[in-house]
């Protein structure tokens, strides 16, 4: 679906092109003006833009920016993941890839905030938070999401719990892998006569800690 492609929101629409057709009988008269015909032409083909596969930090910064500015709750992040899976499972034309992940995640966060929060931001506020999406496009994406989900936005307690514990397990595995990597790197770079340091870094600014703080784990 073009609505969930990033090209729709980042590239300017093509300008209209017209072909001028001369009249069959060209009259030079003051009383009879000469009429020309304008024919709308097809837009020129564009070279498709190449989107790199995003890394973890790129996805995290995109979600964190919306989460902080829109004052979303940690529960809305879990609900967002549920909606993303529903889009891919129940609909055609919505595939999560390098070109579509931003519109899909943004629409899922928007829908999750309106479903879970009693008082949610307006679509114009979300357009201010993420300027790449205009208000008309946000309205269209919201309607498209509801139609693709067949207006089934209800999430059961068991489904929410399963997604929550899967996220927590994945976060713990990531944390363990990072700790093992740091320990291995420390053993390789450890000097023969290490000097005592004044303080040891707690790692509060790394991705793992920021992600845990975001979902309150």
C-alpha atoms as a PDB file:
ATOM      1  CA  UNK A   1       0.000   0.000   0.000  1.00  0.00           C
ATOM      2  CA  UNK A   2       1.550   3.342  -1.000  1.00  0.00           C
ATOM      3  CA  UNK A   3       0.181   4.946   2.161  1.00  0.00           C
ATOM      4  CA  UNK A   4       2.557   2.850   4.271  1.00  0.00           C
ATOM      5  CA  UNK A   5       5.617   3.561   2.101  1.00  0.00           C
ATOM      6  CA  UNK A   6       7.988   6.227   3.307  1.00  0.00           C
ATOM      7  CA  UNK A   7       8.246   7.687  -0.196  1.00  0.00           C
ATOM      8  CA  UNK A   8       4.675   8.950   0.108  1.00  0.00           C
ATOM      9  CA  UNK A   9       5.578  11.055   3.136  1.00  0.00           C
ATOM     10  CA  UNK A  10       9.111  12.200   2.322  1.00  0.00           C
ATOM     11  CA  UNK A  11       9.045  12.985  -1.410  1.00  0.00           C
ATOM     12  CA  UNK A  12       7.136  15.849  -2.988  1.00  0.00           C
ATOM     13  CA  UNK A  13       4.266  14.851  -5.282  1.00  0.00           C
ATOM     14  CA  UNK A  14       5.122  15.062  -8.982  1.00  0.00           C
ATOM     15  CA  UNK A  15       4.129  18.208 -10.786  1.00  0.00           C
ATOM     16  CA  UNK A  16       1.343  18.006 -13.332  1.00  0.00           C
ATOM     17  CA  UNK A  17       2.427  17.963 -16.973  1.00  0.00           C
ATOM     18  CA  UNK A  18       0.184  19.022 -19.823  1.00  0.00           C
ATOM     19  CA  UNK A  19       0.345  18.711 -23.577  1.00  0.00           C
ATOM     20  CA  UNK A  20      -0.858  21.643 -25.653  1.00  0.00           C
ATOM     21  CA  UNK A  21      -2.932  20.743 -28.703  1.00  0.00           C
ATOM     22  CA  UNK A  22      -3.430  23.311 -31.457  1.00  0.00           C
ATOM     23  CA  UNK A  23      -6.911  23.713 -32.909  1.00  0.00           C
ATOM     24  CA  UNK A  24      -7.679  22.269 -36.309  1.00  0.00           C
ATOM     25  CA  UNK A  25      -8.918  25.580 -37.612  1.00  0.00           C
ATOM     26  CA  UNK A  26      -6.816  28.493 -36.463  1.00  0.00           C
ATOM     27  CA  UNK A  27      -8.899  31.653 -36.671  1.00  0.00           C
ATOM     28  CA  UNK A  28      -7.526  35.096 -36.101  1.00  0.00           C
ATOM     29  CA  UNK A  29     -10.579  37.012 -35.061  1.00  0.00           C
ATOM     30  CA  UNK A  30     -11.396  39.295 -32.211  1.00  0.00           C
ATOM     31  CA  UNK A  31     -14.931  37.947 -31.851  1.00  0.00           C
ATOM     32  CA  UNK A  32     -13.827  34.314 -32.047  1.00  0.00           C
ATOM     33  CA  UNK A  33     -10.905  33.621 -29.730  1.00  0.00           C
ATOM     34  CA  UNK A  34      -8.654  30.699 -30.485  1.00  0.00           C
ATOM     35  CA  UNK A  35      -9.176  27.727 -28.169  1.00  0.00           C
ATOM     36  CA  UNK A  36      -6.403  25.295 -27.277  1.00  0.00           C
ATOM     37  CA  UNK A  37      -6.693  21.902 -25.638  1.00  0.00           C
ATOM     38  CA  UNK A  38      -4.644  20.844 -22.634  1.00  0.00           C
ATOM     39  CA  UNK A  39      -4.141  17.128 -22.015  1.00  0.00           C
ATOM     40  CA  UNK A  40      -2.864  15.851 -18.669  1.00  0.00           C
ATOM     41  CA  UNK A  41       0.173  13.639 -19.137  1.00  0.00           C
ATOM     42  CA  UNK A  42       1.370  10.784 -16.966  1.00  0.00           C
ATOM     43  CA  UNK A  43       4.061  11.715 -14.432  1.00  0.00           C
ATOM     44  CA  UNK A  44       7.649  11.019 -15.335  1.00  0.00           C
ATOM     45  CA  UNK A  45       9.037   7.775 -13.899  1.00  0.00           C
ATOM     46  CA  UNK A  46      11.171   8.218 -10.818  1.00  0.00           C
ATOM     47  CA  UNK A  47      14.155   6.220  -9.812  1.00  0.00           C
ATOM     48  CA  UNK A  48      13.164   4.245  -6.709  1.00  0.00           C
ATOM     49  CA  UNK A  49      14.887   5.397  -3.569  1.00  0.00           C
ATOM     50  CA  UNK A  50      17.073   2.881  -1.759  1.00  0.00           C
ATOM     51  CA  UNK A  51      16.425   2.546   1.973  1.00  0.00           C
ATOM     52  CA  UNK A  52      19.047   0.849   4.147  1.00  0.00           C
ATOM     53  CA  UNK A  53      17.957  -1.738   6.672  1.00  0.00           C
ATOM     54  CA  UNK A  54      17.772   0.141  10.010  1.00  0.00           C
ATOM     55  CA  UNK A  55      19.843  -0.925  12.950  1.00  0.00           C
ATOM     56  CA  UNK A  56      18.547  -1.291  16.504  1.00  0.00           C
ATOM     57  CA  UNK A  57      19.558   2.218  17.557  1.00  0.00           C
ATOM     58  CA  UNK A  58      17.739   3.823  14.605  1.00  0.00           C
ATOM     59  CA  UNK A  59      14.505   2.035  15.458  1.00  0.00           C
ATOM     60  CA  UNK A  60      14.945   2.806  19.132  1.00  0.00           C
ATOM     61  CA  UNK A  61      15.530   6.534  18.607  1.00  0.00           C
ATOM     62  CA  UNK A  62      12.478   6.810  16.331  1.00  0.00           C
ATOM     63  CA  UNK A  63      10.211   5.130  18.892  1.00  0.00           C
ATOM     64  CA  UNK A  64      11.759   6.929  21.860  1.00  0.00           C
ATOM     65  CA  UNK A  65      11.241  10.342  20.243  1.00  0.00           C
ATOM     66  CA  UNK A  66       7.509   9.727  19.771  1.00  0.00           C
ATOM     67  CA  UNK A  67       7.163   8.013  23.150  1.00  0.00           C
ATOM     68  CA  UNK A  68       8.685  10.901  25.113  1.00  0.00           C
ATOM     69  CA  UNK A  69       7.076  13.789  23.226  1.00  0.00           C
ATOM     70  CA  UNK A  70       3.610  12.189  23.145  1.00  0.00           C
ATOM     71  CA  UNK A  71       3.943  11.127  26.803  1.00  0.00           C
ATOM     72  CA  UNK A  72       2.958   7.562  26.059  1.00  0.00           C
ATOM     73  CA  UNK A  73       2.876   4.877  28.729  1.00  0.00           C
ATOM     74  CA  UNK A  74       5.095   1.756  28.619  1.00  0.00           C
ATOM     75  CA  UNK A  75       1.981  -0.335  27.999  1.00  0.00           C
ATOM     76  CA  UNK A  76       1.393   1.445  24.699  1.00  0.00           C
ATOM     77  CA  UNK A  77       4.716   0.093  23.401  1.00  0.00           C
ATOM     78  CA  UNK A  78       3.553  -3.474  23.983  1.00  0.00           C
ATOM     79  CA  UNK A  79       0.197  -2.730  22.338  1.00  0.00           C
ATOM     80  CA  UNK A  80       2.038  -1.198  19.380  1.00  0.00           C
ATOM     81  CA  UNK A  81       3.896  -4.469  18.812  1.00  0.00           C
ATOM     82  CA  UNK A  82       0.606  -6.388  18.909  1.00  0.00           C
ATOM     83  CA  UNK A  83      -0.879  -4.148  16.218  1.00  0.00           C
ATOM     84  CA  UNK A  84       2.209  -4.457  14.014  1.00  0.00           C
ATOM     85  CA  UNK A  85       1.889  -8.241  14.107  1.00  0.00           C
ATOM     86  CA  UNK A  86      -1.823  -8.010  13.334  1.00  0.00           C
ATOM     87  CA  UNK A  87      -1.161  -5.837  10.305  1.00  0.00           C
ATOM     88  CA  UNK A  88       1.228  -8.376   8.847  1.00  0.00           C
ATOM     89  CA  UNK A  89      -0.952 -11.372   9.712  1.00  0.00           C
ATOM     90  CA  UNK A  90      -4.397 -10.136   8.679  1.00  0.00           C
ATOM     91  CA  UNK A  91      -3.841  -7.731   5.822  1.00  0.00           C
ATOM     92  CA  UNK A  92      -2.399  -7.703   2.354  1.00  0.00           C
ATOM     93  CA  UNK A  93      -0.088  -4.999   1.122  1.00  0.00           C
ATOM     94  CA  UNK A  94       1.421  -4.195   4.533  1.00  0.00           C
ATOM     95  CA  UNK A  95       4.902  -5.648   4.848  1.00  0.00           C
ATOM     96  CA  UNK A  96       7.407  -4.517   7.453  1.00  0.00           C
ATOM     97  CA  UNK A  97      10.621  -3.687   5.603  1.00  0.00           C
ATOM     98  CA  UNK A  98      13.151  -0.868   5.260  1.00  0.00           C
ATOM     99  CA  UNK A  99      10.784   1.352   3.279  1.00  0.00           C
ATOM    100  CA  UNK A 100       7.653   0.915   5.391  1.00  0.00           C
ATOM    101  CA  UNK A 101       8.703   0.390   9.011  1.00  0.00           C
ATOM    102  CA  UNK A 102       8.437   4.055  10.011  1.00  0.00           C
ATOM    103  CA  UNK A 103       4.840   4.590   8.780  1.00  0.00           C
ATOM    104  CA  UNK A 104       3.712   1.226  10.205  1.00  0.00           C
ATOM    105  CA  UNK A 105       5.282   1.804  13.627  1.00  0.00           C
ATOM    106  CA  UNK A 106       4.029   5.391  13.738  1.00  0.00           C
ATOM    107  CA  UNK A 107       0.458   4.363  12.873  1.00  0.00           C
ATOM    108  CA  UNK A 108       0.583   1.540  15.423  1.00  0.00           C
ATOM    109  CA  UNK A 109       1.785   3.907  18.162  1.00  0.00           C
ATOM    110  CA  UNK A 110      -0.915   6.406  17.244  1.00  0.00           C
ATOM    111  CA  UNK A 111      -3.605   3.748  17.419  1.00  0.00           C
ATOM    112  CA  UNK A 112      -2.214   2.276  20.652  1.00  0.00           C
ATOM    113  CA  UNK A 113      -2.205   5.670  22.352  1.00  0.00           C
ATOM    114  CA  UNK A 114      -5.837   6.321  21.443  1.00  0.00           C
ATOM    115  CA  UNK A 115      -6.947   2.839  22.519  1.00  0.00           C
ATOM    116  CA  UNK A 116      -5.102   2.691  25.839  1.00  0.00           C
ATOM    117  CA  UNK A 117      -5.010   6.302  27.033  1.00  0.00           C
ATOM    118  CA  UNK A 118      -8.116   8.018  28.290  1.00  0.00           C
ATOM    119  CA  UNK A 119      -6.885  11.359  26.936  1.00  0.00           C
ATOM    120  CA  UNK A 120      -4.747  11.155  23.817  1.00  0.00           C
ATOM    121  CA  UNK A 121      -3.058  13.725  21.634  1.00  0.00           C
ATOM    122  CA  UNK A 122      -4.732  15.007  18.482  1.00  0.00           C
ATOM    123  CA  UNK A 123      -3.462  13.985  15.066  1.00  0.00           C
ATOM    124  CA  UNK A 124      -2.186  17.521  14.570  1.00  0.00           C
ATOM    125  CA  UNK A 125      -0.061  17.068  17.701  1.00  0.00           C
ATOM    126  CA  UNK A 126       1.409  13.849  16.330  1.00  0.00           C
ATOM    127  CA  UNK A 127       2.205  15.687  13.102  1.00  0.00           C
ATOM    128  CA  UNK A 128       4.132  18.246  15.154  1.00  0.00           C
ATOM    129  CA  UNK A 129       5.971  15.473  16.999  1.00  0.00           C
ATOM    130  CA  UNK A 130       6.902  13.681  13.771  1.00  0.00           C
ATOM    131  CA  UNK A 131       6.886  16.307  10.979  1.00  0.00           C
ATOM    132  CA  UNK A 132       7.465  13.810   8.195  1.00  0.00           C
ATOM    133  CA  UNK A 133       3.762  12.879   8.435  1.00  0.00           C
ATOM    134  CA  UNK A 134       1.181  15.509   7.524  1.00  0.00           C
ATOM    135  CA  UNK A 135      -2.236  15.687   9.155  1.00  0.00           C
ATOM    136  CA  UNK A 136      -4.132  14.452   6.032  1.00  0.00           C
ATOM    137  CA  UNK A 137      -1.746  11.505   5.709  1.00  0.00           C
ATOM    138  CA  UNK A 138      -2.100  10.696   9.411  1.00  0.00           C
ATOM    139  CA  UNK A 139      -5.892  10.714   9.080  1.00  0.00           C
ATOM    140  CA  UNK A 140      -5.676   8.428   6.067  1.00  0.00           C
ATOM    141  CA  UNK A 141      -3.275   6.046   7.817  1.00  0.00           C
ATOM    142  CA  UNK A 142      -5.517   5.878  10.882  1.00  0.00           C
ATOM    143  CA  UNK A 143      -8.563   4.999   8.769  1.00  0.00           C
ATOM    144  CA  UNK A 144      -6.550   2.442   6.805  1.00  0.00           C
ATOM    145  CA  UNK A 145      -5.287   0.809  10.006  1.00  0.00           C
ATOM    146  CA  UNK A 146      -8.770   0.479  11.429  1.00  0.00           C
ATOM    147  CA  UNK A 147     -10.082  -0.984   8.179  1.00  0.00           C
ATOM    148  CA  UNK A 148      -7.196  -3.467   7.957  1.00  0.00           C
ATOM    149  CA  UNK A 149      -7.832  -4.542  11.550  1.00  0.00           C
ATOM    150  CA  UNK A 150     -11.577  -4.670  10.854  1.00  0.00           C
ATOM    151  CA  UNK A 151     -11.932  -2.269  13.811  1.00  0.00           C
ATOM    152  CA  UNK A 152     -10.774  -5.023  16.171  1.00  0.00           C
ATOM    153  CA  UNK A 153      -8.496  -3.109  18.527  1.00  0.00           C
ATOM    154  CA  UNK A 154      -9.248  -5.188  21.613  1.00  0.00           C
ATOM    155  CA  UNK A 155      -6.286  -6.974  23.216  1.00  0.00           C
ATOM    156  CA  UNK A 156      -6.967  -9.665  25.781  1.00  0.00           C
ATOM    157  CA  UNK A 157      -5.046  -9.899  29.031  1.00  0.00           C
ATOM    158  CA  UNK A 158      -3.481 -13.206  28.011  1.00  0.00           C
ATOM    159  CA  UNK A 159      -2.286 -11.813  24.678  1.00  0.00           C
ATOM    160  CA  UNK A 160      -0.831  -8.733  26.335  1.00  0.00           C
ATOM    161  CA  UNK A 161       0.955 -10.885  28.915  1.00  0.00           C
ATOM    162  CA  UNK A 162       2.443 -13.156  26.250  1.00  0.00           C
ATOM    163  CA  UNK A 163       3.886 -10.178  24.335  1.00  0.00           C
ATOM    164  CA  UNK A 164       5.144  -8.571  27.530  1.00  0.00           C
ATOM    165  CA  UNK A 165       7.027 -11.661  28.701  1.00  0.00           C
ATOM    166  CA  UNK A 166       8.436 -12.265  25.213  1.00  0.00           C
ATOM    167  CA  UNK A 167       9.796  -8.719  25.195  1.00  0.00           C
ATOM    168  CA  UNK A 168      11.226  -9.126  28.675  1.00  0.00           C
ATOM    169  CA  UNK A 169      12.907 -12.408  27.750  1.00  0.00           C
ATOM    170  CA  UNK A 170      14.402 -10.865  24.615  1.00  0.00           C
ATOM    171  CA  UNK A 171      15.659  -7.882  26.625  1.00  0.00           C
ATOM    172  CA  UNK A 172      17.300 -10.144  29.200  1.00  0.00           C
ATOM    173  CA  UNK A 173      18.997 -12.184  26.469  1.00  0.00           C
ATOM    174  CA  UNK A 174      20.291  -8.960  24.920  1.00  0.00           C
ATOM    175  CA  UNK A 175      21.548  -7.815  28.308  1.00  0.00           C
ATOM    176  CA  UNK A 176      23.311 -11.130  28.927  1.00  0.00           C
ATOM    177  CA  UNK A 177      24.920 -11.056  25.472  1.00  0.00           C
ATOM    178  CA  UNK A 178      26.174  -7.526  26.067  1.00  0.00           C
ATOM    179  CA  UNK A 179      27.589  -8.455  29.457  1.00  0.00           C
ATOM    180  CA  UNK A 180      29.388 -11.479  27.996  1.00  0.00           C
ATOM    181  CA  UNK A 181      30.784  -9.349  25.179  1.00  0.00           C
ATOM    182  CA  UNK A 182      32.060  -6.740  27.585  1.00  0.00           C
ATOM    183  CA  UNK A 183      33.648  -9.338  29.819  1.00  0.00           C
ATOM    184  CA  UNK A 184      35.432 -10.936  26.861  1.00  0.00           C
ATOM    185  CA  UNK A 185      36.629  -7.569  25.577  1.00  0.00           C
ATOM    186  CA  UNK A 186      37.810  -6.638  29.057  1.00  0.00           C
ATOM    187  CA  UNK A 187      39.875  -9.792  29.378  1.00  0.00           C
ATOM    188  CA  UNK A 188      41.536  -9.153  26.018  1.00  0.00           C
ATOM    189  CA  UNK A 189      42.375  -5.519  26.719  1.00  0.00           C
ATOM    190  CA  UNK A 190      43.209  -5.851  30.408  1.00  0.00           C
ATOM    191  CA  UNK A 191      46.756  -4.538  31.063  1.00  0.00           C
ATOM    192  CA  UNK A 192      49.370  -6.552  32.919  1.00  0.00           C
ATOM    193  CA  UNK A 193      49.469  -4.152  35.866  1.00  0.00           C
ATOM    194  CA  UNK A 194      46.083  -2.483  35.923  1.00  0.00           C
ATOM    195  CA  UNK A 195      45.865   0.796  37.750  1.00  0.00           C
ATOM    196  CA  UNK A 196      42.951   1.500  40.068  1.00  0.00           C
ATOM    197  CA  UNK A 197      40.357   3.700  38.498  1.00  0.00           C
ATOM    198  CA  UNK A 198      38.361   6.374  40.206  1.00  0.00           C
ATOM    199  CA  UNK A 199      34.970   5.095  39.069  1.00  0.00           C
ATOM    200  CA  UNK A 200      33.487   2.309  37.015  1.00  0.00           C
ATOM    201  CA  UNK A 201      30.971   3.089  34.299  1.00  0.00           C
ATOM    202  CA  UNK A 202      27.484   1.908  35.237  1.00  0.00           C
ATOM    203  CA  UNK A 203      26.271   1.805  31.650  1.00  0.00           C
ATOM    204  CA  UNK A 204      23.239   3.998  32.290  1.00  0.00           C
ATOM    205  CA  UNK A 205      23.442   5.642  28.897  1.00  0.00           C
ATOM    206  CA  UNK A 206      23.649   2.506  26.773  1.00  0.00           C
ATOM    207  CA  UNK A 207      20.813   1.149  24.678  1.00  0.00           C
ATOM    208  CA  UNK A 208      19.910  -1.639  27.094  1.00  0.00           C
ATOM    209  CA  UNK A 209      19.460   0.676  30.076  1.00  0.00           C
ATOM    210  CA  UNK A 210      17.491   3.223  28.081  1.00  0.00           C
ATOM    211  CA  UNK A 211      15.241   0.495  26.730  1.00  0.00           C
ATOM    212  CA  UNK A 212      14.645  -0.933  30.222  1.00  0.00           C
ATOM    213  CA  UNK A 213      13.793   2.505  31.527  1.00  0.00           C
ATOM    214  CA  UNK A 214      11.378   3.010  28.632  1.00  0.00           C
ATOM    215  CA  UNK A 215       9.370  -0.137  29.340  1.00  0.00           C
ATOM    216  CA  UNK A 216       9.902  -0.060  33.118  1.00  0.00           C
ATOM    217  CA  UNK A 217      11.617  -3.447  33.379  1.00  0.00           C
END
